[in-house]
Amino acid sequence: MTTLLVIAKEPRPGRVKTRLTPPFTPEQAAALAEASLADTLAVVARTPARRRVLVLEGTPGPWLPPGFEVVPQCAGGLDERLAAAFAGCDGPALLIGMDTPQVTPELLTVDFADCDAYFGPAEDGGFWALGLAAPDPSRLRGVPMSTPHTGAAQRARLAGLRVRELPPLRDVDTASDAELVARAAPDGRFAAQLARLAGVAR
């Protein structure tokens, strides 16, 4: 069975979702980040897995459900932190971030029986999911992160592997992204938090 990895930051004002500010305040952006993280972790908790691991920068809060191992992120760039997350696995693993609260257990229920990797592209040119049947940190180290070409660069690192593509999803980076993602998952905490903030702004 697969290990599910979630890489995330503690949702603290000024440290998360800074591209949401403006129109949101740092406190509001952190509240949206917390709701996105809570939705993501709730979905992972409902997905069959060998292990569920939160790779966290910061300290766990009340948003963390039971059943997760929490390990600290290592130092270095995002490529190094993702590589280290995979290095801590001894079998098939699927990694996602905290920016796609519209994810579902169906999307995360992967089967490596006839493939070596899973790749989920993000609509901004990055990627929202990466799965490796045999975790190999070298497939992530040196990939330029947070660029419009990150997804293509990471996908190229999977050359020679049998890769299954996951559907593209939108990351929550901007206020426009937040609105579209909330529409895609209208029953989640993220959509509810965005609606509350919209009510405050009126």
C-alpha atoms as a PDB file:
ATOM      1  CA  MET A   1       0.000   0.000   0.000  1.00  0.00           C
ATOM      2  CA  THR A   2       1.072   3.571  -0.660  1.00  0.00           C
ATOM      3  CA  THR A   3       2.507   6.123   1.752  1.00  0.00           C
ATOM      4  CA  LEU A   4       0.718   9.457   1.400  1.00  0.00           C
ATOM      5  CA  LEU A   5       2.893  12.514   1.987  1.00  0.00           C
ATOM      6  CA  VAL A   6       1.578  16.052   2.515  1.00  0.00           C
ATOM      7  CA  ILE A   7       4.146  18.856   2.473  1.00  0.00           C
ATOM      8  CA  ALA A   8       2.883  21.972   4.216  1.00  0.00           C
ATOM      9  CA  LYS A   9       3.636  25.105   6.196  1.00  0.00           C
ATOM     10  CA  GLU A  10       2.051  25.932   9.518  1.00  0.00           C
ATOM     11  CA  PRO A  11      -0.664  28.467   8.588  1.00  0.00           C
ATOM     12  CA  ARG A  12       0.780  31.562  10.267  1.00  0.00           C
ATOM     13  CA  PRO A  13       0.011  35.125   9.128  1.00  0.00           C
ATOM     14  CA  GLY A  14       2.709  36.528   6.900  1.00  0.00           C
ATOM     15  CA  ARG A  15       4.229  33.088   6.263  1.00  0.00           C
ATOM     16  CA  VAL A  16       1.631  31.444   4.035  1.00  0.00           C
ATOM     17  CA  LYS A  17      -0.399  32.416   0.971  1.00  0.00           C
ATOM     18  CA  THR A  18       1.325  35.782   0.681  1.00  0.00           C
ATOM     19  CA  ARG A  19       0.069  36.162  -2.901  1.00  0.00           C
ATOM     20  CA  LEU A  20      -3.455  36.441  -1.479  1.00  0.00           C
ATOM     21  CA  THR A  21      -2.387  39.708   0.179  1.00  0.00           C
ATOM     22  CA  PRO A  22      -3.990  41.916  -1.044  1.00  0.00           C
ATOM     23  CA  PRO A  23      -6.980  41.676  -1.297  1.00  0.00           C
ATOM     24  CA  PHE A  24      -6.888  39.648   1.925  1.00  0.00           C
ATOM     25  CA  THR A  25      -5.012  40.607   5.080  1.00  0.00           C
ATOM     26  CA  PRO A  26      -2.197  38.317   6.238  1.00  0.00           C
ATOM     27  CA  GLU A  27      -4.530  36.977   8.948  1.00  0.00           C
ATOM     28  CA  GLN A  28      -7.258  36.228   6.404  1.00  0.00           C
ATOM     29  CA  ALA A  29      -4.761  34.600   4.055  1.00  0.00           C
ATOM     30  CA  ALA A  30      -3.578  32.392   6.934  1.00  0.00           C
ATOM     31  CA  ALA A  31      -7.184  31.453   7.722  1.00  0.00           C
ATOM     32  CA  LEU A  32      -7.666  30.389   4.097  1.00  0.00           C
ATOM     33  CA  ALA A  33      -4.400  28.434   4.208  1.00  0.00           C
ATOM     34  CA  GLU A  34      -5.531  26.664   7.393  1.00  0.00           C
ATOM     35  CA  ALA A  35      -8.859  25.738   5.784  1.00  0.00           C
ATOM     36  CA  SER A  36      -7.086  24.463   2.668  1.00  0.00           C
ATOM     37  CA  LEU A  37      -4.704  22.389   4.787  1.00  0.00           C
ATOM     38  CA  ALA A  38      -7.546  21.022   6.923  1.00  0.00           C
ATOM     39  CA  ASP A  39      -9.517  19.984   3.833  1.00  0.00           C
ATOM     40  CA  THR A  40      -6.436  18.331   2.338  1.00  0.00           C
ATOM     41  CA  LEU A  41      -5.596  16.401   5.495  1.00  0.00           C
ATOM     42  CA  ALA A  42      -9.208  15.279   5.902  1.00  0.00           C
ATOM     43  CA  VAL A  43      -9.162  13.819   2.396  1.00  0.00           C
ATOM     44  CA  VAL A  44      -5.839  12.074   3.018  1.00  0.00           C
ATOM     45  CA  ALA A  45      -7.253  10.669   6.274  1.00  0.00           C
ATOM     46  CA  ARG A  46     -10.104   9.093   4.291  1.00  0.00           C
ATOM     47  CA  THR A  47      -7.791   7.597   1.636  1.00  0.00           C
ATOM     48  CA  PRO A  48      -6.464   4.047   2.103  1.00  0.00           C
ATOM     49  CA  ALA A  49      -2.741   4.264   2.840  1.00  0.00           C
ATOM     50  CA  ARG A  50       0.110   2.384   4.436  1.00  0.00           C
ATOM     51  CA  ARG A  51       1.259   5.576   6.197  1.00  0.00           C
ATOM     52  CA  ARG A  52       0.070   9.172   6.268  1.00  0.00           C
ATOM     53  CA  VAL A  53       2.896  11.634   6.799  1.00  0.00           C
ATOM     54  CA  LEU A  54       2.720  15.408   7.224  1.00  0.00           C
ATOM     55  CA  VAL A  55       6.054  16.968   6.266  1.00  0.00           C
ATOM     56  CA  LEU A  56       5.680  20.226   8.141  1.00  0.00           C
ATOM     57  CA  GLU A  57       7.455  23.549   8.403  1.00  0.00           C
ATOM     58  CA  GLY A  58       6.321  24.780  11.804  1.00  0.00           C
ATOM     59  CA  THR A  59       4.223  23.285  14.595  1.00  0.00           C
ATOM     60  CA  PRO A  60       1.075  21.137  14.340  1.00  0.00           C
ATOM     61  CA  GLY A  61      -2.220  22.760  15.342  1.00  0.00           C
ATOM     62  CA  PRO A  62      -5.830  21.737  15.958  1.00  0.00           C
ATOM     63  CA  TRP A  63      -6.249  21.330  12.190  1.00  0.00           C
ATOM     64  CA  LEU A  64      -4.244  18.071  12.299  1.00  0.00           C
ATOM     65  CA  PRO A  65      -6.483  14.967  12.385  1.00  0.00           C
ATOM     66  CA  PRO A  66      -5.386  11.749  14.101  1.00  0.00           C
ATOM     67  CA  GLY A  67      -3.515   9.094  12.187  1.00  0.00           C
ATOM     68  CA  PHE A  68      -0.674  11.224  10.821  1.00  0.00           C
ATOM     69  CA  GLU A  69       3.032  11.029  11.461  1.00  0.00           C
ATOM     70  CA  VAL A  70       4.539  14.522  11.573  1.00  0.00           C
ATOM     71  CA  VAL A  71       8.107  15.032  10.418  1.00  0.00           C
ATOM     72  CA  PRO A  72       9.895  18.366  10.082  1.00  0.00           C
ATOM     73  CA  GLN A  73      10.917  19.706   6.703  1.00  0.00           C
ATOM     74  CA  CYS A  74      14.644  19.739   6.121  1.00  0.00           C
ATOM     75  CA  ALA A  75      16.621  22.865   5.334  1.00  0.00           C
ATOM     76  CA  GLY A  76      17.173  23.973   1.755  1.00  0.00           C
ATOM     77  CA  GLY A  77      15.110  24.797  -1.285  1.00  0.00           C
ATOM     78  CA  LEU A  78      11.760  23.235  -2.056  1.00  0.00           C
ATOM     79  CA  ASP A  79      13.389  20.643  -4.325  1.00  0.00           C
ATOM     80  CA  GLU A  80      15.552  19.481  -1.410  1.00  0.00           C
ATOM     81  CA  ARG A  81      12.580  19.382   0.939  1.00  0.00           C
ATOM     82  CA  LEU A  82      10.510  17.318  -1.475  1.00  0.00           C
ATOM     83  CA  ALA A  83      13.451  15.003  -2.092  1.00  0.00           C
ATOM     84  CA  ALA A  84      13.915  14.498   1.645  1.00  0.00           C
ATOM     85  CA  ALA A  85      10.216  13.672   2.049  1.00  0.00           C
ATOM     86  CA  PHE A  86      10.590  10.830  -0.449  1.00  0.00           C
ATOM     87  CA  ALA A  87      13.880   9.747   1.127  1.00  0.00           C
ATOM     88  CA  GLY A  88      11.958   8.936   4.298  1.00  0.00           C
ATOM     89  CA  CYS A  89       9.854   6.314   2.481  1.00  0.00           C
ATOM     90  CA  ASP A  90      10.768   2.687   1.945  1.00  0.00           C
ATOM     91  CA  GLY A  91       8.040   1.863  -0.562  1.00  0.00           C
ATOM     92  CA  PRO A  92       5.597   3.465  -2.986  1.00  0.00           C
ATOM     93  CA  ALA A  93       4.729   7.045  -2.059  1.00  0.00           C
ATOM     94  CA  LEU A  94       2.493   9.808  -3.368  1.00  0.00           C
ATOM     95  CA  LEU A  95       3.227  13.407  -2.389  1.00  0.00           C
ATOM     96  CA  ILE A  96       0.858  16.373  -2.519  1.00  0.00           C
ATOM     97  CA  GLY A  97       0.872  19.901  -1.133  1.00  0.00           C
ATOM     98  CA  MET A  98      -1.658  21.925   0.870  1.00  0.00           C
ATOM     99  CA  ASP A  99      -2.825  24.090  -2.046  1.00  0.00           C
ATOM    100  CA  THR A 100      -5.462  21.829  -3.641  1.00  0.00           C
ATOM    101  CA  PRO A 101      -8.324  21.455  -1.142  1.00  0.00           C
ATOM    102  CA  GLN A 102     -10.546  20.199  -3.984  1.00  0.00           C
ATOM    103  CA  VAL A 103      -8.576  16.924  -4.091  1.00  0.00           C
ATOM    104  CA  THR A 104     -10.555  13.713  -3.461  1.00  0.00           C
ATOM    105  CA  PRO A 105      -9.788  10.244  -2.088  1.00  0.00           C
ATOM    106  CA  GLU A 106     -10.443   8.856  -5.576  1.00  0.00           C
ATOM    107  CA  LEU A 107      -7.611  10.965  -7.026  1.00  0.00           C
ATOM    108  CA  LEU A 108      -5.230   9.868  -4.269  1.00  0.00           C
ATOM    109  CA  THR A 109      -6.032   6.152  -4.462  1.00  0.00           C
ATOM    110  CA  VAL A 110      -3.233   5.084  -6.778  1.00  0.00           C
ATOM    111  CA  ASP A 111      -2.024   1.654  -7.847  1.00  0.00           C
ATOM    112  CA  PHE A 112       1.618   1.161  -8.789  1.00  0.00           C
ATOM    113  CA  ALA A 113       1.059  -2.408 -10.022  1.00  0.00           C
ATOM    114  CA  ASP A 114       1.795  -1.534 -13.652  1.00  0.00           C
ATOM    115  CA  CYS A 115       3.495   1.848 -13.453  1.00  0.00           C
ATOM    116  CA  ASP A 116       6.512   3.476 -11.833  1.00  0.00           C
ATOM    117  CA  ALA A 117       5.247   7.000 -11.242  1.00  0.00           C
ATOM    118  CA  TYR A 118       2.216   9.259 -11.050  1.00  0.00           C
ATOM    119  CA  PHE A 119       2.279  12.899 -12.112  1.00  0.00           C
ATOM    120  CA  GLY A 120      -0.426  15.481 -11.453  1.00  0.00           C
ATOM    121  CA  PRO A 121       0.124  18.758 -13.322  1.00  0.00           C
ATOM    122  CA  ALA A 122      -1.089  22.053 -11.886  1.00  0.00           C
ATOM    123  CA  GLU A 123      -2.787  24.624 -14.072  1.00  0.00           C
ATOM    124  CA  ASP A 124      -0.147  27.243 -13.231  1.00  0.00           C
ATOM    125  CA  GLY A 125       2.633  25.164 -14.778  1.00  0.00           C
ATOM    126  CA  GLY A 126       3.697  23.393 -11.594  1.00  0.00           C
ATOM    127  CA  PHE A 127       2.505  20.062 -10.256  1.00  0.00           C
ATOM    128  CA  TRP A 128       0.134  19.125  -7.464  1.00  0.00           C
ATOM    129  CA  ALA A 129       1.023  15.445  -7.084  1.00  0.00           C
ATOM    130  CA  LEU A 130       4.042  13.231  -7.614  1.00  0.00           C
ATOM    131  CA  GLY A 131       4.121   9.509  -6.959  1.00  0.00           C
ATOM    132  CA  LEU A 132       7.082   7.160  -7.126  1.00  0.00           C
ATOM    133  CA  ALA A 133       6.925   3.377  -6.811  1.00  0.00           C
ATOM    134  CA  ALA A 134      10.586   3.388  -5.781  1.00  0.00           C
ATOM    135  CA  PRO A 135      11.235   6.748  -4.101  1.00  0.00           C
ATOM    136  CA  ASP A 136      14.376   8.270  -5.587  1.00  0.00           C
ATOM    137  CA  PRO A 137      15.284  11.703  -4.202  1.00  0.00           C
ATOM    138  CA  SER A 138      17.569  12.392  -7.171  1.00  0.00           C
ATOM    139  CA  ARG A 139      14.500  12.725  -9.389  1.00  0.00           C
ATOM    140  CA  LEU A 140      13.608  15.927  -7.514  1.00  0.00           C
ATOM    141  CA  ARG A 141      16.887  17.524  -6.521  1.00  0.00           C
ATOM    142  CA  GLY A 142      17.805  20.406  -8.790  1.00  0.00           C
ATOM    143  CA  VAL A 143      14.347  20.854 -10.297  1.00  0.00           C
ATOM    144  CA  PRO A 144      13.652  24.626 -10.411  1.00  0.00           C
ATOM    145  CA  MET A 145      10.622  25.238  -8.239  1.00  0.00           C
ATOM    146  CA  SER A 146       7.901  27.926  -8.320  1.00  0.00           C
ATOM    147  CA  THR A 147       8.327  28.767 -11.993  1.00  0.00           C
ATOM    148  CA  PRO A 148       5.891  28.419 -14.926  1.00  0.00           C
ATOM    149  CA  HIS A 149       8.083  25.527 -16.137  1.00  0.00           C
ATOM    150  CA  THR A 150       8.411  23.567 -12.891  1.00  0.00           C
ATOM    151  CA  GLY A 151       5.901  20.930 -13.953  1.00  0.00           C
ATOM    152  CA  ALA A 152       7.599  20.320 -17.290  1.00  0.00           C
ATOM    153  CA  ALA A 153      11.005  20.109 -15.625  1.00  0.00           C
ATOM    154  CA  GLN A 154       9.763  17.636 -13.019  1.00  0.00           C
ATOM    155  CA  ARG A 155       7.932  15.595 -15.625  1.00  0.00           C
ATOM    156  CA  ALA A 156      11.162  15.369 -17.643  1.00  0.00           C
ATOM    157  CA  ARG A 157      12.911  13.907 -14.575  1.00  0.00           C
ATOM    158  CA  LEU A 158      10.583  10.916 -14.849  1.00  0.00           C
ATOM    159  CA  ALA A 159      12.067   9.926 -18.199  1.00  0.00           C
ATOM    160  CA  GLY A 160      12.429   6.176 -18.528  1.00  0.00           C
ATOM    161  CA  LEU A 161       9.643   5.449 -16.069  1.00  0.00           C
ATOM    162  CA  ARG A 162       6.123   4.234 -16.809  1.00  0.00           C
ATOM    163  CA  VAL A 163       4.126   7.294 -15.786  1.00  0.00           C
ATOM    164  CA  ARG A 164       0.406   7.643 -15.206  1.00  0.00           C
ATOM    165  CA  GLU A 165      -0.981  11.151 -15.536  1.00  0.00           C
ATOM    166  CA  LEU A 166      -3.429  12.481 -12.968  1.00  0.00           C
ATOM    167  CA  PRO A 167      -5.948  15.184 -13.936  1.00  0.00           C
ATOM    168  CA  PRO A 168      -4.682  18.777 -13.776  1.00  0.00           C
ATOM    169  CA  LEU A 169      -5.796  20.741 -10.707  1.00  0.00           C
ATOM    170  CA  ARG A 170      -5.616  24.407  -9.797  1.00  0.00           C
ATOM    171  CA  ASP A 171      -3.407  25.505  -6.899  1.00  0.00           C
ATOM    172  CA  VAL A 172      -4.679  28.258  -4.638  1.00  0.00           C
ATOM    173  CA  ASP A 173      -2.206  31.085  -5.166  1.00  0.00           C
ATOM    174  CA  THR A 174      -4.299  34.166  -5.985  1.00  0.00           C
ATOM    175  CA  ALA A 175      -7.744  35.441  -5.032  1.00  0.00           C
ATOM    176  CA  SER A 176      -9.029  34.368  -8.449  1.00  0.00           C
ATOM    177  CA  ASP A 177      -7.673  30.859  -7.840  1.00  0.00           C
ATOM    178  CA  ALA A 178      -9.408  30.805  -4.458  1.00  0.00           C
ATOM    179  CA  GLU A 179     -12.785  31.573  -6.000  1.00  0.00           C
ATOM    180  CA  LEU A 180     -12.431  28.890  -8.680  1.00  0.00           C
ATOM    181  CA  VAL A 181     -11.233  26.237  -6.220  1.00  0.00           C
ATOM    182  CA  ALA A 182     -14.066  27.049  -3.801  1.00  0.00           C
ATOM    183  CA  ARG A 183     -16.540  26.492  -6.634  1.00  0.00           C
ATOM    184  CA  ALA A 184     -14.915  23.140  -7.388  1.00  0.00           C
ATOM    185  CA  ALA A 185     -15.280  22.026  -3.751  1.00  0.00           C
ATOM    186  CA  PRO A 186     -18.245  24.010  -2.415  1.00  0.00           C
ATOM    187  CA  ASP A 187     -18.822  21.811   0.642  1.00  0.00           C
ATOM    188  CA  GLY A 188     -15.333  22.095   2.122  1.00  0.00           C
ATOM    189  CA  ARG A 189     -13.856  24.204   4.877  1.00  0.00           C
ATOM    190  CA  PHE A 190     -11.993  26.280   2.318  1.00  0.00           C
ATOM    191  CA  ALA A 191     -15.159  27.324   0.489  1.00  0.00           C
ATOM    192  CA  ALA A 192     -16.862  28.096   3.800  1.00  0.00           C
ATOM    193  CA  GLN A 193     -13.942  30.222   4.989  1.00  0.00           C
ATOM    194  CA  LEU A 194     -13.822  32.126   1.708  1.00  0.00           C
ATOM    195  CA  ALA A 195     -17.566  32.779   1.942  1.00  0.00           C
ATOM    196  CA  ARG A 196     -17.160  34.080   5.504  1.00  0.00           C
ATOM    197  CA  LEU A 197     -14.389  36.431   4.426  1.00  0.00           C
ATOM    198  CA  ALA A 198     -16.457  37.637   1.485  1.00  0.00           C
ATOM    199  CA  GLY A 199     -19.258  38.427   3.932  1.00  0.00           C
ATOM    200  CA  VAL A 200     -16.881  40.411   6.141  1.00  0.00           C
ATOM    201  CA  ALA A 201     -15.682  42.411   3.126  1.00  0.00           C
ATOM    202  CA  ARG A 202     -19.219  43.481   2.154  1.00  0.00           C
END
